[in-house]
């Protein structure tokens, strides 16, 4: 970007010439984008000279279409024109409610919690055992991660 002495200057053979070389444009900082709608996050990246790449994941905590995280994370300094991956929420995963009638309370509760459901157990007074006799919602109905489901169980828990 510059030299010393200036071009065209006469000097003695073997004398030193200093060259100043550019390191390129200064790096820019990845802004905080978590929780923002995708369109706003992309605009914020463009505004600082970064490019956006999308990756989608299920989330029960972040609304559909909003940013869950970035890679690299906010605060990272990158060369202008670098790519930032926006992890965008697809919302909670939906699936068919499994049939847990006939299962033990413990097995049914473990299965449902492993699917990301919140389980409310209702013991049926005056009964013995430890078996699911009814469920709400019924098997086959569409449920989503984070939803509360109820199982009715024989015995007093």
Foldseek 3Di string as FASTA:
>chain_A
DAKPPHPPDDDDPPDDIDDDDDPADFWDWQAAFAQHAPVVNQVVQVVRQEHEDEDEDADQPHDARGFHAKVVGTGDTDHRHYYIYTYGHNYFDKDWAAAQFFPFPVVNCVVQVVQQEAEDEAEDPPFDDGGFHDKPPHTGDMDTHHYYIYTYTYDDD
